[in-house]
C-alpha atoms as a PDB file:
ATOM      1  CA  UNK A   1     -62.214  26.082   4.484  1.00  0.00           C
ATOM      2  CA  UNK A   2     -60.305  23.180   4.736  1.00  0.00           C
ATOM      3  CA  UNK A   3     -56.502  23.438   4.765  1.00  0.00           C
ATOM      4  CA  UNK A   4     -54.622  22.071   1.953  1.00  0.00           C
ATOM      5  CA  UNK A   5     -51.202  21.017   3.505  1.00  0.00           C
ATOM      6  CA  UNK A   6     -48.272  21.085   1.345  1.00  0.00           C
ATOM      7  CA  UNK A   7     -47.655  17.300   1.581  1.00  0.00           C
ATOM      8  CA  UNK A   8     -51.805  16.861  -0.008  1.00  0.00           C
ATOM      9  CA  UNK A   9     -50.474  19.398  -2.820  1.00  0.00           C
ATOM     10  CA  UNK A  10     -47.175  17.378  -3.462  1.00  0.00           C
ATOM     11  CA  UNK A  11     -48.494  14.159  -3.624  1.00  0.00           C
ATOM     12  CA  UNK A  12     -51.583  15.393  -5.644  1.00  0.00           C
ATOM     13  CA  UNK A  13     -49.617  16.652  -7.656  1.00  0.00           C
ATOM     14  CA  UNK A  14     -47.519  13.648  -8.489  1.00  0.00           C
ATOM     15  CA  UNK A  15     -51.177  11.273  -8.981  1.00  0.00           C
ATOM     16  CA  UNK A  16     -51.835  14.134 -12.273  1.00  0.00           C
ATOM     17  CA  UNK A  17     -48.238  13.803 -13.454  1.00  0.00           C
ATOM     18  CA  UNK A  18     -48.736   9.811 -13.085  1.00  0.00           C
ATOM     19  CA  UNK A  19     -52.180   9.850 -14.403  1.00  0.00           C
ATOM     20  CA  UNK A  20     -51.271  11.959 -17.716  1.00  0.00           C
ATOM     21  CA  UNK A  21     -48.031  10.023 -18.408  1.00  0.00           C
ATOM     22  CA  UNK A  22     -50.579   6.931 -18.243  1.00  0.00           C
ATOM     23  CA  UNK A  23     -53.021   8.385 -20.137  1.00  0.00           C
ATOM     24  CA  UNK A  24     -50.626   9.353 -22.910  1.00  0.00           C
ATOM     25  CA  UNK A  25     -48.774   5.939 -22.899  1.00  0.00           C
ATOM     26  CA  UNK A  26     -52.306   4.323 -23.117  1.00  0.00           C
ATOM     27  CA  UNK A  27     -52.937   6.415 -26.262  1.00  0.00           C
ATOM     28  CA  UNK A  28     -50.082   5.319 -28.060  1.00  0.00           C
ATOM     29  CA  UNK A  29     -51.008   1.573 -27.788  1.00  0.00           C
ATOM     30  CA  UNK A  30     -51.751   0.413 -31.367  1.00  0.00           C
ATOM     31  CA  UNK A  31     -55.447  -0.545 -31.947  1.00  0.00           C
ATOM     32  CA  UNK A  32     -56.894  -3.904 -32.718  1.00  0.00           C
ATOM     33  CA  UNK A  33     -58.476  -4.311 -36.149  1.00  0.00           C
ATOM     34  CA  UNK A  34     -62.287  -5.492 -35.891  1.00  0.00           C
ATOM     35  CA  UNK A  35     -62.416  -4.503 -31.508  1.00  0.00           C
ATOM     36  CA  UNK A  36     -64.685  -1.577 -30.725  1.00  0.00           C
ATOM     37  CA  UNK A  37     -62.877  -1.571 -27.318  1.00  0.00           C
ATOM     38  CA  UNK A  38     -59.251  -2.076 -27.959  1.00  0.00           C
ATOM     39  CA  UNK A  39     -56.297  -2.143 -25.203  1.00  0.00           C
ATOM     40  CA  UNK A  40     -56.117   1.458 -24.725  1.00  0.00           C
ATOM     41  CA  UNK A  41     -58.978   2.057 -23.630  1.00  0.00           C
ATOM     42  CA  UNK A  42     -58.267   0.565 -19.552  1.00  0.00           C
ATOM     43  CA  UNK A  43     -55.334   2.000 -19.022  1.00  0.00           C
ATOM     44  CA  UNK A  44     -56.701   5.508 -20.287  1.00  0.00           C
ATOM     45  CA  UNK A  45     -59.557   5.500 -17.640  1.00  0.00           C
ATOM     46  CA  UNK A  46     -56.891   4.751 -14.954  1.00  0.00           C
ATOM     47  CA  UNK A  47     -55.184   7.787 -16.315  1.00  0.00           C
ATOM     48  CA  UNK A  48     -57.990   9.880 -16.025  1.00  0.00           C
ATOM     49  CA  UNK A  49     -58.876   8.645 -12.769  1.00  0.00           C
ATOM     50  CA  UNK A  50     -55.525   9.946 -11.230  1.00  0.00           C
ATOM     51  CA  UNK A  51     -55.902  12.823 -12.570  1.00  0.00           C
ATOM     52  CA  UNK A  52     -59.270  13.877 -11.478  1.00  0.00           C
ATOM     53  CA  UNK A  53     -58.317  12.323  -7.943  1.00  0.00           C
ATOM     54  CA  UNK A  54     -54.835  13.906  -7.921  1.00  0.00           C
ATOM     55  CA  UNK A  55     -56.530  17.614  -8.803  1.00  0.00           C
ATOM     56  CA  UNK A  56     -58.677  16.786  -5.787  1.00  0.00           C
ATOM     57  CA  UNK A  57     -55.989  15.860  -3.466  1.00  0.00           C
ATOM     58  CA  UNK A  58     -54.521  19.185  -4.564  1.00  0.00           C
ATOM     59  CA  UNK A  59     -57.087  21.357  -4.057  1.00  0.00           C
ATOM     60  CA  UNK A  60     -58.140  19.775  -0.548  1.00  0.00           C
ATOM     61  CA  UNK A  61     -61.868  18.125  -1.393  1.00  0.00           C
ATOM     62  CA  UNK A  62     -62.352  16.243   1.507  1.00  0.00           C
ATOM     63  CA  UNK A  63     -59.635  17.626   3.793  1.00  0.00           C
ATOM     64  CA  UNK A  64     -62.771  19.192   5.615  1.00  0.00           C
ATOM     65  CA  UNK A  65     -63.450  15.446   7.167  1.00  0.00           C
ATOM     66  CA  UNK A  66     -60.431  14.519   8.222  1.00  0.00           C
ATOM     67  CA  UNK A  67     -59.368  14.586  11.944  1.00  0.00           C
ATOM     68  CA  UNK A  68     -56.925  17.073  13.903  1.00  0.00           C
ATOM     69  CA  UNK A  69     -54.087  14.961  15.066  1.00  0.00           C
ATOM     70  CA  UNK A  70     -54.772  15.041  18.617  1.00  0.00           C
ATOM     71  CA  UNK A  71     -51.073  13.160  19.842  1.00  0.00           C
ATOM     72  CA  UNK A  72     -47.534  13.411  19.013  1.00  0.00           C
ATOM     73  CA  UNK A  73     -44.855  11.335  19.020  1.00  0.00           C
ATOM     74  CA  UNK A  74     -42.195  12.185  21.659  1.00  0.00           C
ATOM     75  CA  UNK A  75     -38.514  12.130  21.057  1.00  0.00           C
ATOM     76  CA  UNK A  76     -38.498   8.426  22.803  1.00  0.00           C
ATOM     77  CA  UNK A  77     -41.225   6.923  20.536  1.00  0.00           C
ATOM     78  CA  UNK A  78     -43.651   7.509  22.784  1.00  0.00           C
ATOM     79  CA  UNK A  79     -47.270   8.884  21.984  1.00  0.00           C
ATOM     80  CA  UNK A  80     -48.371  11.853  24.380  1.00  0.00           C
ATOM     81  CA  UNK A  81     -51.708  13.204  24.208  1.00  0.00           C
ATOM     82  CA  UNK A  82     -54.179  11.984  26.626  1.00  0.00           C
ATOM     83  CA  UNK A  83     -57.055   9.524  26.082  1.00  0.00           C
ATOM     84  CA  UNK A  84     -57.492   9.484  21.783  1.00  0.00           C
ATOM     85  CA  UNK A  85     -53.374   8.535  22.027  1.00  0.00           C
ATOM     86  CA  UNK A  86     -53.828   5.577  24.987  1.00  0.00           C
ATOM     87  CA  UNK A  87     -56.480   4.080  22.773  1.00  0.00           C
ATOM     88  CA  UNK A  88     -54.464   4.482  19.525  1.00  0.00           C
ATOM     89  CA  UNK A  89     -51.875   2.313  21.206  1.00  0.00           C
ATOM     90  CA  UNK A  90     -54.177   0.293  22.837  1.00  0.00           C
ATOM     91  CA  UNK A  91     -55.938  -0.997  19.734  1.00  0.00           C
ATOM     92  CA  UNK A  92     -52.877  -1.105  17.117  1.00  0.00           C
ATOM     93  CA  UNK A  93     -49.712  -1.158  19.352  1.00  0.00           C
ATOM     94  CA  UNK A  94     -50.979  -4.339  21.551  1.00  0.00           C
ATOM     95  CA  UNK A  95     -52.640  -6.133  18.637  1.00  0.00           C
ATOM     96  CA  UNK A  96     -50.475  -5.312  16.021  1.00  0.00           C
ATOM     97  CA  UNK A  97     -53.635  -4.811  13.439  1.00  0.00           C
ATOM     98  CA  UNK A  98     -52.091  -1.464  12.081  1.00  0.00           C
ATOM     99  CA  UNK A  99     -49.335  -3.451  10.392  1.00  0.00           C
ATOM    100  CA  UNK A 100     -51.412  -5.957   8.919  1.00  0.00           C
ATOM    101  CA  UNK A 101     -53.717  -3.291   7.554  1.00  0.00           C
ATOM    102  CA  UNK A 102     -50.716  -1.965   5.916  1.00  0.00           C
ATOM    103  CA  UNK A 103     -49.009  -5.288   4.627  1.00  0.00           C
ATOM    104  CA  UNK A 104     -51.968  -7.102   3.696  1.00  0.00           C
ATOM    105  CA  UNK A 105     -53.012  -5.049   0.486  1.00  0.00           C
ATOM    106  CA  UNK A 106     -48.837  -6.396  -1.261  1.00  0.00           C
ATOM    107  CA  UNK A 107     -49.311  -9.755   0.049  1.00  0.00           C
ATOM    108  CA  UNK A 108     -52.819 -10.470  -1.224  1.00  0.00           C
ATOM    109  CA  UNK A 109     -50.942  -9.360  -4.388  1.00  0.00           C
ATOM    110  CA  UNK A 110     -48.266 -11.954  -3.952  1.00  0.00           C
ATOM    111  CA  UNK A 111     -50.871 -14.367  -2.796  1.00  0.00           C
ATOM    112  CA  UNK A 112     -52.570 -14.251  -6.163  1.00  0.00           C
ATOM    113  CA  UNK A 113     -49.065 -14.329  -8.384  1.00  0.00           C
ATOM    114  CA  UNK A 114     -48.022 -17.337  -7.021  1.00  0.00           C
ATOM    115  CA  UNK A 115     -51.696 -19.531  -5.934  1.00  0.00           C
ATOM    116  CA  UNK A 116     -53.867 -18.154  -9.034  1.00  0.00           C
ATOM    117  CA  UNK A 117     -52.801 -20.738 -11.759  1.00  0.00           C
ATOM    118  CA  UNK A 118     -53.655 -23.711  -9.292  1.00  0.00           C
ATOM    119  CA  UNK A 119     -56.539 -22.579  -7.294  1.00  0.00           C
ATOM    120  CA  UNK A 120     -57.865 -20.320 -10.353  1.00  0.00           C
ATOM    121  CA  UNK A 121     -59.443 -16.831 -10.349  1.00  0.00           C
ATOM    122  CA  UNK A 122     -62.361 -17.650  -8.633  1.00  0.00           C
ATOM    123  CA  UNK A 123     -60.529 -19.392  -5.072  1.00  0.00           C
ATOM    124  CA  UNK A 124     -57.974 -16.990  -5.070  1.00  0.00           C
ATOM    125  CA  UNK A 125     -59.870 -13.679  -5.527  1.00  0.00           C
ATOM    126  CA  UNK A 126     -62.666 -15.432  -2.776  1.00  0.00           C
ATOM    127  CA  UNK A 127     -59.844 -16.000  -0.328  1.00  0.00           C
ATOM    128  CA  UNK A 128     -58.102 -12.253  -0.786  1.00  0.00           C
ATOM    129  CA  UNK A 129     -61.348 -10.467  -0.739  1.00  0.00           C
ATOM    130  CA  UNK A 130     -62.291 -12.604   2.470  1.00  0.00           C
ATOM    131  CA  UNK A 131     -58.940 -11.862   4.485  1.00  0.00           C
ATOM    132  CA  UNK A 132     -58.503  -8.051   3.381  1.00  0.00           C
ATOM    133  CA  UNK A 133     -62.227  -7.432   4.468  1.00  0.00           C
ATOM    134  CA  UNK A 134     -61.632  -9.179   7.997  1.00  0.00           C
ATOM    135  CA  UNK A 135     -58.194  -7.342   8.107  1.00  0.00           C
ATOM    136  CA  UNK A 136     -60.022  -4.089   7.220  1.00  0.00           C
ATOM    137  CA  UNK A 137     -62.552  -4.776  10.440  1.00  0.00           C
ATOM    138  CA  UNK A 138     -65.198  -6.447   8.509  1.00  0.00           C
ATOM    139  CA  UNK A 139     -67.838  -8.815  10.500  1.00  0.00           C
ATOM    140  CA  UNK A 140     -67.615 -12.285   9.049  1.00  0.00           C
ATOM    141  CA  UNK A 141     -71.063 -12.620   7.570  1.00  0.00           C
ATOM    142  CA  UNK A 142     -70.503  -9.624   5.389  1.00  0.00           C
ATOM    143  CA  UNK A 143     -67.154 -10.610   4.429  1.00  0.00           C
ATOM    144  CA  UNK A 144     -68.536 -13.919   3.057  1.00  0.00           C
ATOM    145  CA  UNK A 145     -71.295 -12.345   1.363  1.00  0.00           C
ATOM    146  CA  UNK A 146     -68.953  -9.827  -0.327  1.00  0.00           C
ATOM    147  CA  UNK A 147     -66.498 -12.660  -0.982  1.00  0.00           C
ATOM    148  CA  UNK A 148     -68.961 -14.300  -2.637  1.00  0.00           C
ATOM    149  CA  UNK A 149     -70.585 -12.002  -4.669  1.00  0.00           C
ATOM    150  CA  UNK A 150     -67.210 -10.300  -5.779  1.00  0.00           C
ATOM    151  CA  UNK A 151     -65.739 -12.546  -7.592  1.00  0.00           C
ATOM    152  CA  UNK A 152     -68.616 -13.305  -9.809  1.00  0.00           C
ATOM    153  CA  UNK A 153     -68.770  -9.361 -10.923  1.00  0.00           C
ATOM    154  CA  UNK A 154     -65.107  -9.078 -11.436  1.00  0.00           C
ATOM    155  CA  UNK A 155     -64.998 -12.543 -13.451  1.00  0.00           C
ATOM    156  CA  UNK A 156     -68.211 -11.041 -15.567  1.00  0.00           C
ATOM    157  CA  UNK A 157     -66.698  -7.647 -16.180  1.00  0.00           C
ATOM    158  CA  UNK A 158     -62.851  -9.019 -17.160  1.00  0.00           C
ATOM    159  CA  UNK A 159     -63.794 -12.442 -18.768  1.00  0.00           C
ATOM    160  CA  UNK A 160     -67.187 -11.898 -20.374  1.00  0.00           C
ATOM    161  CA  UNK A 161     -66.920  -8.182 -21.116  1.00  0.00           C
ATOM    162  CA  UNK A 162     -63.683  -7.367 -21.940  1.00  0.00           C
ATOM    163  CA  UNK A 163     -62.468 -11.132 -22.742  1.00  0.00           C
ATOM    164  CA  UNK A 164     -59.348 -10.870 -20.750  1.00  0.00           C
ATOM    165  CA  UNK A 165     -58.677 -14.956 -19.920  1.00  0.00           C
ATOM    166  CA  UNK A 166     -58.512 -15.947 -16.213  1.00  0.00           C
ATOM    167  CA  UNK A 167     -57.513 -19.051 -14.632  1.00  0.00           C
ATOM    168  CA  UNK A 168     -59.779 -21.801 -13.949  1.00  0.00           C
ATOM    169  CA  UNK A 169     -57.911 -23.976 -11.486  1.00  0.00           C
ATOM    170  CA  UNK A 170     -59.565 -26.402  -9.788  1.00  0.00           C
ATOM    171  CA  UNK A 171     -63.126 -24.927 -10.316  1.00  0.00           C
ATOM    172  CA  UNK A 172     -63.609 -25.173 -13.990  1.00  0.00           C
ATOM    173  CA  UNK A 173     -67.267 -24.019 -14.267  1.00  0.00           C
ATOM    174  CA  UNK A 174     -68.901 -25.739 -17.006  1.00  0.00           C
ATOM    175  CA  UNK A 175     -70.764 -21.828 -18.006  1.00  0.00           C
ATOM    176  CA  UNK A 176     -68.023 -19.834 -17.937  1.00  0.00           C
END
């Protein structure tokens, strides 16, 4: 049986509260005449997903798959605890990859905010997906494949199905 940490219960509760708030706020949005799917649907789906995920975190679903900590941080700030601790320091400390993994998602959003109007959705999404997948350690070949396919699927969902206008930028495809 998995032990649920207090921090997991708190973060799960916060996610549930955020989900309830999102769901409620979305339900208050006005409907659009003549449309089957209004502006409230997507936020309500997100709110529902937050409620489900937060509930799962609170009860400890998936915590059995987490590794226990094998090392500790000493008062001097050094990692203490054997071979695994040394490997973590070598892998993240020397290369600085751990910091990039944390800062890349906000940087990607900032890049999209700045570049999407000029580059367009297609190029911006390609660059963001390629950069994020490479930062997370994916092989270059798979990163390129996903970077080509994912923007097309995202464009199909948002532009064609949900009719959300996306910036065309440099690549104004005639079939879009």
